[in-house]
Amino acid sequence: MLSGLGGGCTLEKLLPLLRDEYPDEAVDFFFHMPSDWAALGYYAALTVGSDGTVVETRMAGDTLAARLGPTLYATEDPDDESWGWGGA
């Protein structure tokens, strides 16, 4: 689970680095964009295309929580007011 990005970091740059770090593991990537004054937050499943582009498939927090189980609750930010766990 990746949350927010900044400082010139992009998913296209970050995901290959994570895959290189765990070459023998099957890893599913998820993304959380926290809410801010300009946009609503969201959760997404991430897939990497053969050309290296990253596709975000938005998903409800309830769906992600069912997939990740207690690990999502353990890392939830109580100050995050985005639609996520228990949200739409």
C-alpha atoms as a PDB file:
ATOM      1  CA  MET A   1       0.000   0.000   0.000  1.00  0.00           C
ATOM      2  CA  LEU A   2       1.462   3.284  -1.121  1.00  0.00           C
ATOM      3  CA  SER A   3      -0.042   6.503   0.167  1.00  0.00           C
ATOM      4  CA  GLY A   4       0.311   9.823  -1.574  1.00  0.00           C
ATOM      5  CA  LEU A   5       3.329  10.860  -3.601  1.00  0.00           C
ATOM      6  CA  GLY A   6       5.470  13.934  -3.607  1.00  0.00           C
ATOM      7  CA  GLY A   7       8.850  15.342  -4.396  1.00  0.00           C
ATOM      8  CA  GLY A   8       8.815  14.251  -8.035  1.00  0.00           C
ATOM      9  CA  CYS A   9       8.152  10.616  -7.148  1.00  0.00           C
ATOM     10  CA  THR A  10       5.782   8.830  -9.519  1.00  0.00           C
ATOM     11  CA  LEU A  11       4.244   5.385  -9.499  1.00  0.00           C
ATOM     12  CA  GLU A  12       6.056   4.662 -12.789  1.00  0.00           C
ATOM     13  CA  LYS A  13       9.387   5.300 -11.030  1.00  0.00           C
ATOM     14  CA  LEU A  14       8.537   3.653  -7.714  1.00  0.00           C
ATOM     15  CA  LEU A  15       6.912   0.342  -8.690  1.00  0.00           C
ATOM     16  CA  PRO A  16       9.898  -1.003 -10.697  1.00  0.00           C
ATOM     17  CA  LEU A  17      12.154  -0.261  -7.709  1.00  0.00           C
ATOM     18  CA  LEU A  18       9.855  -2.210  -5.407  1.00  0.00           C
ATOM     19  CA  ARG A  19       9.631  -5.111  -7.876  1.00  0.00           C
ATOM     20  CA  ASP A  20      13.457  -5.186  -8.067  1.00  0.00           C
ATOM     21  CA  GLU A  21      13.623  -5.327  -4.281  1.00  0.00           C
ATOM     22  CA  TYR A  22      11.336  -8.378  -4.147  1.00  0.00           C
ATOM     23  CA  PRO A  23      12.085 -10.242  -7.405  1.00  0.00           C
ATOM     24  CA  ASP A  24      10.858 -13.641  -6.209  1.00  0.00           C
ATOM     25  CA  GLU A  25       7.616 -12.429  -4.658  1.00  0.00           C
ATOM     26  CA  ALA A  26       4.172 -11.972  -6.175  1.00  0.00           C
ATOM     27  CA  VAL A  27       3.309  -8.466  -4.998  1.00  0.00           C
ATOM     28  CA  ASP A  28      -0.010  -6.664  -5.339  1.00  0.00           C
ATOM     29  CA  PHE A  29       0.214  -2.882  -5.225  1.00  0.00           C
ATOM     30  CA  PHE A  30      -2.468  -0.570  -3.905  1.00  0.00           C
ATOM     31  CA  PHE A  31      -2.517   3.198  -3.732  1.00  0.00           C
ATOM     32  CA  HIS A  32      -4.187   5.619  -1.348  1.00  0.00           C
ATOM     33  CA  MET A  33      -4.550   9.260  -2.301  1.00  0.00           C
ATOM     34  CA  PRO A  34      -5.404  11.232   0.833  1.00  0.00           C
ATOM     35  CA  SER A  35      -7.997  13.981   0.623  1.00  0.00           C
ATOM     36  CA  ASP A  36      -6.860  17.551   0.560  1.00  0.00           C
ATOM     37  CA  TRP A  37      -8.392  20.945  -0.119  1.00  0.00           C
ATOM     38  CA  ALA A  38      -8.279  20.379  -3.875  1.00  0.00           C
ATOM     39  CA  ALA A  39      -9.481  16.797  -4.341  1.00  0.00           C
ATOM     40  CA  LEU A  40     -11.249  13.872  -2.728  1.00  0.00           C
ATOM     41  CA  GLY A  41      -9.115  10.949  -1.660  1.00  0.00           C
ATOM     42  CA  TYR A  42      -9.416   7.456  -3.070  1.00  0.00           C
ATOM     43  CA  TYR A  43      -8.020   3.920  -3.027  1.00  0.00           C
ATOM     44  CA  ALA A  44      -6.862   2.064  -6.137  1.00  0.00           C
ATOM     45  CA  ALA A  45      -5.385  -1.257  -7.204  1.00  0.00           C
ATOM     46  CA  LEU A  46      -2.288  -0.761  -9.372  1.00  0.00           C
ATOM     47  CA  THR A  47      -1.161  -2.737 -12.387  1.00  0.00           C
ATOM     48  CA  VAL A  48       1.888  -2.138 -14.545  1.00  0.00           C
ATOM     49  CA  GLY A  49       1.509  -2.421 -18.311  1.00  0.00           C
ATOM     50  CA  SER A  50       4.144  -3.983 -20.558  1.00  0.00           C
ATOM     51  CA  ASP A  51       5.221  -0.456 -21.542  1.00  0.00           C
ATOM     52  CA  GLY A  52       5.763   0.531 -17.892  1.00  0.00           C
ATOM     53  CA  THR A  53       2.671   2.657 -17.533  1.00  0.00           C
ATOM     54  CA  VAL A  54       0.744   2.280 -14.293  1.00  0.00           C
ATOM     55  CA  VAL A  55      -3.021   1.833 -14.390  1.00  0.00           C
ATOM     56  CA  GLU A  56      -5.026   2.776 -11.312  1.00  0.00           C
ATOM     57  CA  THR A  57      -8.307   0.943 -10.812  1.00  0.00           C
ATOM     58  CA  ARG A  58     -10.196   2.818  -8.131  1.00  0.00           C
ATOM     59  CA  MET A  59     -11.888   0.741  -5.484  1.00  0.00           C
ATOM     60  CA  ALA A  60     -14.050   1.322  -2.425  1.00  0.00           C
ATOM     61  CA  GLY A  61     -12.365   1.258   0.951  1.00  0.00           C
ATOM     62  CA  ASP A  62     -14.640  -1.611   2.003  1.00  0.00           C
ATOM     63  CA  THR A  63     -13.381  -3.693  -0.927  1.00  0.00           C
ATOM     64  CA  LEU A  64      -9.765  -2.967  -0.077  1.00  0.00           C
ATOM     65  CA  ALA A  65     -10.341  -3.727   3.609  1.00  0.00           C
ATOM     66  CA  ALA A  66     -11.848  -7.108   2.712  1.00  0.00           C
ATOM     67  CA  ARG A  67      -8.751  -7.875   0.619  1.00  0.00           C
ATOM     68  CA  LEU A  68      -6.096  -6.661   3.074  1.00  0.00           C
ATOM     69  CA  GLY A  69      -7.864  -7.458   6.325  1.00  0.00           C
ATOM     70  CA  PRO A  70      -6.433  -6.217   9.628  1.00  0.00           C
ATOM     71  CA  THR A  71      -3.338  -4.703   8.015  1.00  0.00           C
ATOM     72  CA  LEU A  72      -5.468  -1.901   6.605  1.00  0.00           C
ATOM     73  CA  TYR A  73      -6.867  -1.067  10.031  1.00  0.00           C
ATOM     74  CA  ALA A  74      -3.404  -1.100  11.594  1.00  0.00           C
ATOM     75  CA  THR A  75      -2.142   1.587   9.221  1.00  0.00           C
ATOM     76  CA  GLU A  76      -5.236   3.744   8.862  1.00  0.00           C
ATOM     77  CA  ASP A  77      -4.647   7.425   9.507  1.00  0.00           C
ATOM     78  CA  PRO A  78      -7.280   8.689  11.969  1.00  0.00           C
ATOM     79  CA  ASP A  79      -6.914  12.216  10.530  1.00  0.00           C
ATOM     80  CA  ASP A  80      -7.618  11.047   6.981  1.00  0.00           C
ATOM     81  CA  GLU A  81     -11.132  12.096   6.041  1.00  0.00           C
ATOM     82  CA  SER A  82     -11.075  10.579   2.554  1.00  0.00           C
ATOM     83  CA  TRP A  83     -13.673   8.070   1.516  1.00  0.00           C
ATOM     84  CA  GLY A  84     -12.079   4.845   2.558  1.00  0.00           C
ATOM     85  CA  TRP A  85     -12.821   2.183   5.124  1.00  0.00           C
ATOM     86  CA  GLY A  86     -16.518   2.410   5.859  1.00  0.00           C
ATOM     87  CA  GLY A  87     -16.892   5.032   3.153  1.00  0.00           C
ATOM     88  CA  ALA A  88     -18.307   4.991  -0.342  1.00  0.00           C
END
